[in-house]
Amino acid sequence: MAGEHILIVDDEAHIVDLVRLYLERDGFRVDSASDGAQGLRLIEEVRPALVVLDLMLPEVDGLEICRRVRAASDVPIVMLTARDEDVDKIVGLELGADDYLTKPFNPRELVARVKAILRRSERPARDEQAPLRVGDVTVDPGRHEVTVAGQRVALRAKEFDLLVAFAEHKGLVLTREQLLSRVWGYDFYGETRTVDVHVAHLRKRLAASQAVRIETVTGVGYKLVA
């Protein structure tokens, strides 16, 4: 993981300097862009291992960058937002961001999240794992394919990993903390809204199923039931 290339896209110089300091202390190589247009160019040119992306940017805003990047790449994105509003976070996550932090944030937590996401992306492929079947939903980890009621359904990377976690533990309740650990690789627990947003999006992907649903267990977590 040391030596991985991280791109920071943020127009606040003191934020860039702070994040760069903490990432470089942990051995990461860091580039930065101060506006959205430059950020898009650098994402294409340097092919970073992960992007730390501010939501409010000149030229091209963070949500538009996220939309364009996700159309062509699965590079992990950690979104930064100065506005502590759920709608901003939800839109960013639905556009394909892997995680978010609200400014002001603890730079150590940002580094921990970056490491967790990169650890997750480095895990070996599940080429040998047999397809998982729950009701009329089939998940094939080796081929990274999902069918719902016989029809192929496209899932984003985190949605797919979340479904695999549910299918591997069908009928069992998984807490938000367990899901953060299994899907995002976190060994710390702060906000769990990330899990809730991805579960809501996954429910939409499974809407065609006549036999499977994700149930909320109030005060505990979620479970996949047939």
Protein backbone atom coordinates (compact mmCIF):
# COMPACT_ATOMS: atom_id res chain seq x y z
CA MET A 1 0.00 0.00 0.00
CA ALA A 2 2.90 2.35 0.74
CA GLY A 3 3.81 4.35 -2.34
CA GLU A 4 0.27 4.33 -3.75
CA HIS A 5 -0.64 7.49 -5.67
CA ILE A 6 -3.38 9.66 -4.12
CA LEU A 7 -4.94 12.68 -5.87
CA ILE A 8 -6.47 15.47 -3.77
CA VAL A 9 -8.94 17.71 -5.60
CA ASP A 10 -9.73 20.70 -3.35
CA ASP A 11 -9.57 24.47 -3.80
CA GLU A 12 -8.65 25.16 -0.16
CA ALA A 13 -4.85 25.23 0.02
CA HIS A 14 -4.69 24.63 3.78
CA ILE A 15 -6.85 21.47 3.41
CA VAL A 16 -4.61 20.19 0.61
CA ASP A 17 -1.47 20.89 2.66
CA LEU A 18 -2.89 19.16 5.75
CA VAL A 19 -4.08 16.07 3.89
CA ARG A 20 -0.83 15.87 1.91
CA LEU A 21 1.19 16.04 5.14
CA TYR A 22 -0.66 13.14 6.76
CA LEU A 23 -0.77 10.98 3.63
CA GLU A 24 2.93 11.47 2.87
CA ARG A 25 3.79 10.59 6.47
CA ASP A 26 2.26 7.19 5.76
CA GLY A 27 4.27 6.74 2.58
CA PHE A 28 1.69 7.75 -0.03
CA ARG A 29 2.62 9.78 -3.11
CA VAL A 30 0.34 12.79 -3.44
CA ASP A 31 -0.72 15.08 -6.30
CA SER A 32 -3.30 17.84 -6.05
CA ALA A 33 -5.64 19.93 -8.17
CA SER A 34 -7.27 23.20 -7.15
CA ASP A 35 -10.31 23.09 -9.44
CA GLY A 36 -12.56 20.50 -11.03
CA ALA A 37 -11.27 20.84 -14.59
CA GLN A 38 -7.66 20.31 -13.48
CA GLY A 39 -8.81 17.42 -11.30
CA LEU A 40 -10.40 15.64 -14.26
CA ARG A 41 -7.23 16.10 -16.31
CA LEU A 42 -5.02 14.70 -13.57
CA ILE A 43 -7.31 11.73 -12.94
CA GLU A 44 -6.83 10.82 -16.59
CA GLU A 45 -3.09 11.57 -16.67
CA VAL A 46 -1.75 10.15 -13.39
CA ARG A 47 -4.27 7.29 -12.88
CA PRO A 48 -4.31 7.60 -9.07
CA ALA A 49 -5.06 4.68 -6.76
CA LEU A 50 -7.64 6.86 -4.95
CA VAL A 51 -9.13 10.35 -5.25
CA VAL A 52 -9.93 12.64 -2.31
CA LEU A 53 -12.58 14.87 -3.85
CA ASP A 54 -14.10 18.09 -2.50
CA LEU A 55 -17.77 18.58 -3.28
CA MET A 56 -17.67 22.37 -3.82
CA LEU A 57 -15.14 23.21 -6.53
CA PRO A 58 -14.69 25.92 -9.17
CA GLU A 59 -14.99 25.02 -12.87
CA VAL A 60 -16.53 21.55 -12.37
CA ASP A 61 -18.12 20.57 -9.05
CA GLY A 62 -17.37 17.36 -7.18
CA LEU A 63 -20.66 15.66 -8.03
CA GLU A 64 -20.10 16.17 -11.75
CA ILE A 65 -16.53 14.89 -11.44
CA CYS A 66 -17.82 11.82 -9.63
CA ARG A 67 -20.40 11.22 -12.37
CA ARG A 68 -17.82 11.52 -15.17
CA VAL A 69 -15.21 9.38 -13.43
CA ARG A 70 -17.70 6.61 -12.65
CA ALA A 71 -18.70 6.45 -16.31
CA ALA A 72 -15.18 5.28 -17.15
CA SER A 73 -13.41 4.07 -14.02
CA ASP A 74 -13.76 2.28 -10.66
CA VAL A 75 -11.03 4.35 -8.97
CA PRO A 76 -12.04 4.75 -5.30
CA ILE A 77 -13.36 8.19 -4.34
CA VAL A 78 -13.53 9.72 -0.86
CA MET A 79 -15.79 12.76 -1.01
CA LEU A 80 -15.29 15.83 1.19
CA THR A 81 -18.18 18.17 1.88
CA ALA A 82 -18.40 21.35 3.94
CA ARG A 83 -22.17 20.96 4.13
CA ASP A 84 -23.44 18.53 6.73
CA GLU A 85 -26.58 17.69 4.79
CA ASP A 86 -27.66 14.13 4.10
CA VAL A 87 -28.84 14.98 0.59
CA ASP A 88 -25.29 15.94 -0.49
CA LYS A 89 -23.85 12.74 0.94
CA ILE A 90 -26.60 10.57 -0.51
CA VAL A 91 -26.22 12.05 -3.99
CA GLY A 92 -22.45 11.63 -3.85
CA LEU A 93 -22.68 8.02 -2.73
CA GLU A 94 -25.34 7.21 -5.31
CA LEU A 95 -23.10 8.67 -8.02
CA GLY A 96 -20.42 6.20 -7.00
CA ALA A 97 -18.32 7.77 -4.23
CA ASP A 98 -16.98 5.10 -1.88
CA ASP A 99 -17.13 7.20 1.28
CA TYR A 100 -17.42 10.76 2.55
CA LEU A 101 -16.17 13.01 5.33
CA THR A 102 -17.69 16.29 6.47
CA LYS A 103 -15.42 19.29 6.96
CA PRO A 104 -13.88 19.97 9.42
CA PHE A 105 -12.51 16.43 9.71
CA ASN A 106 -9.74 14.63 11.54
CA PRO A 107 -6.91 14.01 9.03
CA ARG A 108 -6.00 10.79 10.85
CA GLU A 109 -9.50 9.50 10.20
CA LEU A 110 -9.20 10.41 6.53
CA VAL A 111 -5.92 8.47 6.27
CA ALA A 112 -7.53 5.50 8.07
CA ARG A 113 -10.42 5.50 5.61
CA VAL A 114 -8.08 5.77 2.62
CA LYS A 115 -6.12 2.77 3.90
CA ALA A 116 -9.31 0.78 4.53
CA ILE A 117 -10.60 1.40 1.00
CA LEU A 118 -7.25 0.50 -0.56
CA ARG A 119 -6.99 -2.66 1.55
CA ARG A 120 -10.41 -3.65 0.32
CA SER A 121 -9.49 -3.07 -3.31
CA GLU A 122 -6.30 -5.14 -2.90
CA ARG A 123 -8.07 -8.23 -1.59
CA PRO A 124 -7.78 -11.28 -3.87
CA ALA A 125 -10.52 -11.84 -6.41
CA ARG A 126 -13.15 -14.44 -5.52
CA ASP A 127 -12.43 -16.50 -8.64
CA GLU A 128 -12.88 -19.81 -6.85
CA GLN A 129 -16.05 -18.93 -4.97
CA ALA A 130 -19.20 -20.70 -6.15
CA PRO A 131 -22.25 -18.64 -7.10
CA LEU A 132 -24.51 -17.70 -4.21
CA ARG A 133 -28.27 -18.19 -4.61
CA VAL A 134 -30.97 -16.67 -2.45
CA GLY A 135 -34.50 -17.07 -3.79
CA ASP A 136 -34.52 -15.72 -7.34
CA VAL A 137 -31.27 -13.77 -6.85
CA THR A 138 -27.93 -15.25 -7.94
CA VAL A 139 -24.58 -13.65 -7.16
CA ASP A 140 -21.51 -14.94 -8.99
CA PRO A 141 -18.40 -13.53 -7.24
CA GLY A 142 -16.00 -15.03 -9.79
CA ARG A 143 -17.71 -13.38 -12.76
CA HIS A 144 -18.86 -10.36 -10.73
CA GLU A 145 -22.39 -10.87 -12.06
CA VAL A 146 -25.83 -10.65 -10.48
CA THR A 147 -29.16 -11.88 -11.82
CA VAL A 148 -32.52 -10.97 -10.33
CA ALA A 149 -35.51 -13.02 -11.45
CA GLY A 150 -33.39 -14.30 -14.36
CA GLN A 151 -32.28 -10.85 -15.55
CA ARG A 152 -28.76 -9.45 -15.32
CA VAL A 153 -28.51 -6.44 -13.02
CA ALA A 154 -25.52 -4.08 -12.99
CA LEU A 155 -24.21 -3.16 -9.55
CA ARG A 156 -21.49 -0.75 -8.53
CA ALA A 157 -18.51 -2.27 -6.73
CA LYS A 158 -19.65 -1.53 -3.18
CA GLU A 159 -23.23 -2.58 -3.93
CA PHE A 160 -21.91 -5.89 -5.23
CA ASP A 161 -19.71 -6.46 -2.18
CA LEU A 162 -22.63 -5.57 0.09
CA LEU A 163 -24.88 -8.10 -1.66
CA VAL A 164 -22.18 -10.78 -1.35
CA ALA A 165 -21.97 -10.11 2.40
CA PHE A 166 -25.75 -10.44 2.74
CA ALA A 167 -25.90 -13.57 0.57
CA GLU A 168 -23.11 -15.24 2.53
CA HIS A 169 -25.12 -14.64 5.70
CA LYS A 170 -28.68 -14.99 4.36
CA GLY A 171 -31.30 -14.81 7.07
CA LEU A 172 -28.81 -13.49 9.63
CA VAL A 173 -28.76 -9.94 10.93
CA LEU A 174 -25.63 -7.97 10.11
CA THR A 175 -25.01 -4.80 12.11
CA ARG A 176 -23.86 -1.63 10.42
CA GLU A 177 -20.48 -2.06 12.11
CA GLN A 178 -20.15 -5.61 10.74
CA LEU A 179 -21.00 -4.37 7.27
CA LEU A 180 -18.48 -1.53 7.52
CA SER A 181 -15.85 -4.09 8.45
CA ARG A 182 -16.76 -6.69 5.80
CA VAL A 183 -17.51 -4.38 2.88
CA TRP A 184 -15.44 -1.27 3.54
CA GLY A 185 -12.64 -2.88 5.55
CA TYR A 186 -12.98 -0.45 8.46
CA ASP A 187 -11.47 -1.29 11.82
CA PHE A 188 -13.05 1.82 13.38
CA TYR A 189 -16.65 2.99 13.51
CA GLY A 190 -17.94 6.51 13.17
CA GLU A 191 -20.83 7.56 10.99
CA THR A 192 -22.81 4.63 9.56
CA ARG A 193 -24.90 6.62 7.09
CA THR A 194 -22.69 5.19 4.33
CA VAL A 195 -24.16 1.73 5.00
CA ASP A 196 -27.74 3.02 5.04
CA VAL A 197 -27.35 4.79 1.71
CA HIS A 198 -25.83 1.74 0.00
CA VAL A 199 -28.52 -0.55 1.43
CA ALA A 200 -31.22 1.79 0.10
CA HIS A 201 -29.60 1.76 -3.34
CA LEU A 202 -29.20 -2.03 -3.29
CA ARG A 203 -32.89 -2.42 -2.48
CA LYS A 204 -33.70 -0.55 -5.68
CA ARG A 205 -31.46 -2.91 -7.66
CA LEU A 206 -33.31 -5.91 -6.22
CA ALA A 207 -36.77 -4.44 -6.75
CA ALA A 208 -37.63 -6.92 -9.54
CA SER A 209 -37.24 -9.87 -7.17
CA GLN A 210 -40.46 -11.57 -6.12
CA ALA A 211 -38.76 -13.65 -3.43
CA VAL A 212 -35.93 -11.68 -1.82
CA ARG A 213 -35.80 -8.53 0.24
CA ILE A 214 -33.46 -6.70 2.61
CA GLU A 215 -35.17 -6.23 5.96
CA THR A 216 -34.32 -3.53 8.48
CA VAL A 217 -33.99 -4.84 12.04
CA THR A 218 -34.62 -1.69 14.05
CA GLY A 219 -31.78 -0.77 16.34
CA VAL A 220 -29.59 -3.63 15.09
CA GLY A 221 -28.95 -3.69 11.32
CA TYR A 222 -30.11 -5.50 8.18
CA LYS A 223 -30.66 -9.01 6.88
CA LEU A 224 -31.34 -10.61 3.49
CA VAL A 225 -34.39 -12.86 3.57
CA ALA A 226 -36.09 -15.11 1.02
